[in-house]
Protein backbone atom coordinates (compact mmCIF):
# COMPACT_ATOMS: atom_id res chain seq x y z
CA MET A 1 90.84 90.15 86.22
CA GLU A 2 93.79 91.15 88.38
CA LYS A 3 93.43 90.06 92.00
CA VAL A 4 92.57 92.95 94.31
CA THR A 5 94.63 92.70 97.48
CA GLY A 6 94.10 96.13 98.98
CA ALA A 7 92.06 99.29 98.95
CA LEU A 8 91.15 100.56 95.48
CA GLY A 9 90.39 104.10 96.63
CA PRO A 10 94.04 105.24 96.98
CA ARG A 11 94.93 103.73 93.60
CA ARG A 12 91.98 105.39 91.91
CA ARG A 13 92.91 108.76 93.43
CA ILE A 14 96.52 108.38 92.28
CA ALA A 15 95.29 107.47 88.80
CA ALA A 16 92.95 110.46 88.56
CA THR A 17 95.64 112.87 89.80
CA LEU A 18 98.33 111.57 87.44
CA LYS A 19 95.95 111.70 84.50
CA ARG A 20 95.02 115.30 85.37
CA LEU A 21 98.67 116.33 85.73
CA ARG A 22 99.61 114.79 82.39
CA ASP A 23 96.63 116.37 80.63
CA ASP A 24 97.57 119.74 82.11
CA SER A 25 101.13 119.29 80.84
CA GLY A 26 99.90 118.64 77.30
CA LYS A 27 102.07 115.52 77.01
CA THR A 28 101.21 112.02 75.84
CA LEU A 29 101.75 108.80 77.76
CA ASP A 30 104.67 107.93 75.47
CA GLU A 31 106.34 111.29 76.03
CA VAL A 32 106.12 111.18 79.83
CA ALA A 33 107.23 107.54 79.92
CA ALA A 34 110.22 108.33 77.70
CA ASP A 35 111.22 111.29 79.86
CA LEU A 36 111.09 109.13 83.01
CA LEU A 37 112.76 106.11 81.38
CA ILE A 38 109.86 103.82 82.24
CA SER A 39 107.59 101.80 79.97
CA THR A 40 104.42 103.30 78.57
CA SER A 41 102.49 100.28 79.85
CA LYS A 42 103.70 100.92 83.41
CA LEU A 43 102.60 104.56 83.30
CA SER A 44 99.30 103.53 81.74
CA ARG A 45 98.70 101.07 84.56
CA LEU A 46 99.32 103.81 87.13
CA GLU A 47 96.83 106.07 85.34
CA ASN A 48 94.27 103.27 85.28
CA ALA A 49 94.59 102.25 88.95
CA GLN A 50 96.04 98.85 88.09
CA GLY A 51 98.60 97.27 90.38
CA LYS A 52 100.22 98.78 93.45
CA PRO A 53 102.09 102.06 92.86
CA GLN A 54 105.73 101.96 93.88
CA ALA A 55 107.16 104.74 96.08
CA ARG A 56 110.04 105.34 93.64
CA ASP A 57 107.68 105.86 90.70
CA ILE A 58 105.54 108.28 92.70
CA ARG A 59 108.66 110.18 93.81
CA ASP A 60 109.85 110.47 90.20
CA LEU A 61 106.45 111.67 89.00
CA ILE A 62 106.27 114.28 91.77
CA GLN A 63 109.66 115.62 90.69
CA TYR A 64 108.78 115.43 86.99
CA TYR A 65 105.65 117.55 87.42
CA GLY A 66 107.40 119.94 89.83
CA LEU A 67 105.11 119.16 92.74
CA GLU A 68 107.58 119.11 95.64
CA GLY A 69 106.03 120.63 98.76
CA THR A 70 102.53 120.85 97.27
CA ARG A 71 99.23 119.35 98.35
CA ASP A 72 99.27 117.05 95.31
CA ALA A 73 102.67 115.70 96.35
CA ARG A 74 101.52 115.02 99.91
CA ASN A 75 98.35 113.34 98.67
CA LEU A 76 100.20 111.15 96.18
CA GLN A 77 102.66 109.99 98.83
CA ARG A 78 99.86 109.32 101.32
CA TRP A 79 97.82 107.37 98.80
CA ALA A 80 100.86 105.34 97.69
CA THR A 81 101.43 104.29 101.30
CA ALA A 82 97.74 103.45 101.78
CA ALA A 83 97.68 101.41 98.57
CA LYS A 84 100.25 99.01 100.04
CA GLU A 85 98.06 98.08 103.00
CA PRO A 86 96.53 94.62 102.50
CA GLY A 87 92.76 94.38 102.53
CA TRP A 88 91.09 92.46 105.35
CA TRP A 89 89.86 89.91 102.80
CA THR A 90 93.27 88.84 101.49
CA GLY A 91 93.54 85.85 103.82
CA TYR A 92 90.63 84.04 102.18
CA ASP A 93 90.92 81.40 99.47
CA ASP A 94 90.91 82.44 95.82
CA ALA A 95 87.95 80.12 95.20
CA VAL A 96 85.92 82.13 97.70
CA LEU A 97 86.92 85.48 96.22
CA GLN A 98 86.23 84.50 92.61
CA LYS A 99 84.06 86.47 90.18
CA SER A 100 85.47 89.83 91.37
CA LEU A 101 84.14 89.57 94.93
CA ASP A 102 87.51 90.93 96.07
CA ALA A 103 86.98 94.09 94.01
CA HIS A 104 83.49 94.51 95.45
CA LEU A 105 84.87 94.25 98.98
CA ALA A 106 87.59 96.80 98.16
CA TYR A 107 85.08 99.31 96.79
CA GLU A 108 82.79 98.78 99.78
CA ALA A 109 85.60 99.16 102.32
CA ASP A 110 86.41 102.69 101.10
CA ALA A 111 82.85 103.93 100.58
CA MET A 112 81.05 106.35 102.84
CA VAL A 113 77.61 105.43 101.41
CA ALA A 114 76.38 102.27 99.71
CA ARG A 115 73.15 102.66 97.74
CA VAL A 116 72.00 99.16 96.84
CA TYR A 117 69.14 97.49 95.04
CA THR A 118 68.52 93.76 95.41
CA LEU A 119 66.46 90.92 94.01
CA PRO A 120 65.78 88.02 94.33
CA PHE A 121 67.66 88.07 97.65
CA LEU A 122 67.73 90.53 100.53
CA PRO A 123 70.70 92.92 100.85
CA ALA A 124 73.88 91.05 101.81
CA LEU A 125 74.68 93.54 104.56
CA LEU A 126 71.35 92.73 106.26
CA GLN A 127 71.31 88.94 105.92
CA THR A 128 71.39 86.48 108.82
CA PRO A 129 73.93 83.64 108.78
CA GLY A 130 71.10 81.12 108.34
CA TYR A 131 69.70 82.95 105.31
CA SER A 132 73.15 83.35 103.71
CA ARG A 133 74.04 79.72 104.37
CA ALA A 134 70.85 78.55 102.68
CA ILE A 135 71.76 80.53 99.54
CA TYR A 136 75.29 79.14 99.48
CA GLU A 137 74.10 75.56 100.07
CA LEU A 138 70.91 75.34 98.00
CA MET A 139 71.59 77.65 95.08
CA GLU A 140 75.34 77.93 94.75
CA ARG A 141 76.13 74.39 95.95
CA ARG A 142 79.25 75.59 97.74
CA PRO A 143 81.38 73.13 99.73
CA GLU A 144 81.36 73.54 103.50
CA ASP A 145 84.88 74.99 103.75
CA GLU A 146 83.94 77.78 101.34
CA ILE A 147 80.65 78.44 103.10
CA VAL A 148 82.44 78.94 106.41
CA GLN A 149 84.75 81.53 104.83
CA LEU A 150 81.91 83.26 103.00
CA LEU A 151 79.95 83.60 106.23
CA GLU A 152 83.02 85.09 107.92
CA ILE A 153 83.37 87.59 105.07
CA ARG A 154 79.71 88.55 105.32
CA LYS A 155 80.03 89.05 109.07
CA GLN A 156 83.04 91.31 108.56
CA ARG A 157 81.18 93.35 105.96
CA GLN A 158 78.13 93.74 108.20
CA ALA A 159 80.30 94.98 111.07
CA ALA A 160 80.98 98.12 109.00
CA LEU A 161 77.39 99.21 109.70
CA ARG A 162 78.30 99.49 113.40
CA ASN A 163 81.87 100.76 113.37
CA ARG A 164 84.98 101.06 111.18
CA ALA A 165 88.54 101.88 112.13
CA GLY A 166 89.29 105.47 111.21
CA MET A 167 85.98 105.95 109.40
CA ALA A 168 82.35 106.55 110.22
CA PRO A 169 80.07 103.49 110.01
CA LEU A 170 79.00 102.70 106.48
CA GLU A 171 75.75 104.41 105.52
CA LEU A 172 73.38 102.01 103.74
CA VAL A 173 70.46 103.09 101.58
CA ALA A 174 68.85 99.83 100.49
CA VAL A 175 65.93 99.17 98.16
CA THR A 176 64.79 95.57 97.94
CA HIS A 177 62.02 94.17 95.76
CA GLU A 178 58.92 92.80 97.49
CA CYS A 179 59.68 89.37 96.03
CA THR A 180 62.73 89.12 98.32
CA LEU A 181 60.43 89.19 101.35
CA ARG A 182 58.13 86.51 99.98
CA GLN A 183 60.71 84.11 98.55
CA VAL A 184 61.24 81.53 101.30
CA ILE A 185 64.98 80.87 101.59
CA GLY A 186 65.88 77.79 103.63
CA SER A 187 62.73 77.45 105.75
CA PRO A 188 59.95 79.56 107.32
CA ALA A 189 61.96 79.58 110.57
CA ILE A 190 65.01 80.99 108.78
CA MET A 191 62.80 83.61 107.13
CA ARG A 192 61.21 84.67 110.43
CA GLU A 193 64.65 85.20 111.93
CA GLN A 194 65.75 87.04 108.80
CA LEU A 195 62.77 89.38 108.80
CA ASP A 196 63.37 90.08 112.49
CA LYS A 197 66.89 91.17 111.61
CA LEU A 198 65.60 93.38 108.80
CA LEU A 199 63.31 95.16 111.23
CA GLU A 200 66.09 95.55 113.80
CA HIS A 201 68.67 96.92 111.37
CA SER A 202 66.21 99.20 109.62
CA GLU A 203 66.09 101.20 112.86
CA LEU A 204 69.84 101.97 112.81
CA PRO A 205 70.53 105.68 112.22
CA ASN A 206 72.79 104.93 109.24
CA VAL A 207 70.45 102.43 107.54
CA ARG A 208 67.50 103.27 105.32
CA LEU A 209 65.50 100.31 104.04
CA HIS A 210 62.77 100.58 101.40
CA VAL A 211 60.65 97.89 99.78
CA LEU A 212 59.76 98.24 96.09
CA PRO A 213 56.25 96.77 95.96
CA PHE A 214 54.76 94.61 93.21
CA ASP A 215 52.33 97.38 92.27
CA SER A 216 55.06 99.96 91.67
CA PRO A 217 55.58 100.98 88.02
CA PRO A 218 58.76 99.60 86.39
CA THR A 219 61.87 101.77 86.68
CA PHE A 220 65.33 101.68 85.10
CA SER A 221 67.79 99.35 86.91
CA MET A 222 65.07 97.38 88.76
CA THR A 223 65.99 94.13 86.99
CA CYS A 224 69.53 93.68 88.35
CA MET A 225 71.29 93.86 91.70
CA TYR A 226 73.83 96.61 92.08
CA ALA A 227 75.62 98.82 94.59
CA TYR A 228 76.36 102.49 94.05
CA PHE A 229 79.37 103.43 96.19
CA GLU A 230 79.89 107.04 97.24
CA TYR A 231 83.25 108.32 98.46
CA GLN A 232 84.41 111.11 100.73
CA GLU A 233 86.96 112.81 98.48
CA PRO A 234 85.48 113.22 94.98
CA ALA A 235 87.64 116.29 94.36
CA ASP A 236 90.77 114.15 94.79
CA GLY A 237 89.72 111.50 92.29
CA GLY A 238 87.60 109.44 94.66
CA GLN A 239 84.80 109.37 92.10
CA ASP A 240 81.76 107.20 92.76
CA VAL A 241 81.49 103.76 91.19
CA VAL A 242 78.72 101.28 90.43
CA HIS A 243 79.24 97.55 90.96
CA ILE A 244 76.66 95.37 89.23
CA GLU A 245 76.13 91.78 90.37
CA THR A 246 75.19 89.01 87.95
CA HIS A 247 75.36 85.21 88.05
CA ALA A 248 78.71 85.51 86.27
CA GLY A 249 80.09 87.82 88.95
CA PHE A 250 80.53 91.55 89.48
CA PHE A 251 81.49 94.19 86.98
CA SER A 252 82.06 97.89 87.59
CA LEU A 253 81.03 101.13 85.92
CA ASP A 254 83.13 104.21 86.57
CA ASP A 255 82.34 106.36 83.56
CA PRO A 256 80.91 109.56 85.12
CA ASP A 257 77.90 109.66 82.79
CA GLU A 258 76.97 106.04 83.45
CA VAL A 259 77.52 106.44 87.19
CA SER A 260 75.29 109.51 87.26
CA LYS A 261 72.59 107.55 85.45
CA TYR A 262 72.60 104.93 88.21
CA ARG A 263 72.53 107.60 90.91
CA ARG A 264 69.37 109.02 89.36
CA ALA A 265 67.98 105.51 88.95
CA HIS A 266 68.47 104.70 92.62
CA HIS A 267 66.76 107.93 93.61
CA GLN A 268 63.83 106.87 91.40
CA LEU A 269 63.77 103.44 93.04
CA VAL A 270 63.56 105.04 96.48
CA SER A 271 60.82 107.38 95.28
CA SER A 272 58.86 104.46 93.82
CA SER A 273 59.24 102.36 96.97
CA LEU A 274 57.31 102.30 100.21
CA THR A 275 58.42 104.69 102.92
CA GLU A 276 60.68 103.29 105.61
CA GLN A 277 57.71 103.03 107.99
CA ASP A 278 55.47 101.37 105.41
CA SER A 279 58.31 99.04 104.42
CA ARG A 280 58.60 97.87 108.03
CA ALA A 281 54.82 97.35 108.11
CA MET A 282 55.04 95.13 105.01
CA ILE A 283 57.92 93.15 106.52
CA ARG A 284 55.83 92.50 109.66
CA SER A 285 52.85 91.48 107.54
CA VAL A 286 54.90 88.98 105.53
CA GLN A 287 56.44 87.66 108.74
CA ASP A 288 52.99 87.15 110.30
CA GLY A 289 51.89 85.16 107.25
CA LEU A 290 54.74 82.65 107.41
CA PRO A 291 53.71 79.10 108.36
CA GLN A 292 54.67 78.00 111.85
């Protein structure tokens, strides 16, 4: 997959707007490309949010569709400028950002709400450094230099729950399976610290944490980890997206029907889970049962 070096939101909004404008014009990709003396593949990439849009191309498309002085023109120019800004993660090694982690970070950076479901590990945005390190060392067998960078990335991501430049703190609605509380990662001491952090962060006004208990009936999407990202400007092409995490890496779903299915599925997961108060009670109970 193409390396993601900046925000995906502006590119996706440009793509949705250009696709709408071309559909409204009744023209094909080949026809518009021929009129503008650019390749069909270049126009297709713009309409599929691939690569960074160039200011000259956006200017030509604004003129072609007769948009000068309109809201669409202002939005396209603003998004083209925003798309050039490098993402905060671009300074990290490619080996650390493999398996589409860079795309996941880009989706997360733009989102207003992240609705996540996790197993067999606790939500990444609520993990302690000790817990994360144990996963990287014991399961993924990462070298130390990569672990240091991955921990820095996780810290940067978690900071979004407290504050973000120019945006409200990220809202997190997390459902985690009961097995994540009972699977000892690293050591009992690491788990006690981790469960303390869960309890602390679950009290934040922008964090909702639910535990899906063992005795809950099975629901769709409960067998894989995923994040459903919600955006602020759906009317401008900032449509929601689902990022599913597997051992092979992340892959995204942006088809509106599929995305809607996962939105309903996450609502069902929340409904099938313990309340926030009962979830905290279970966390305390598991913590009390850990060996000293």
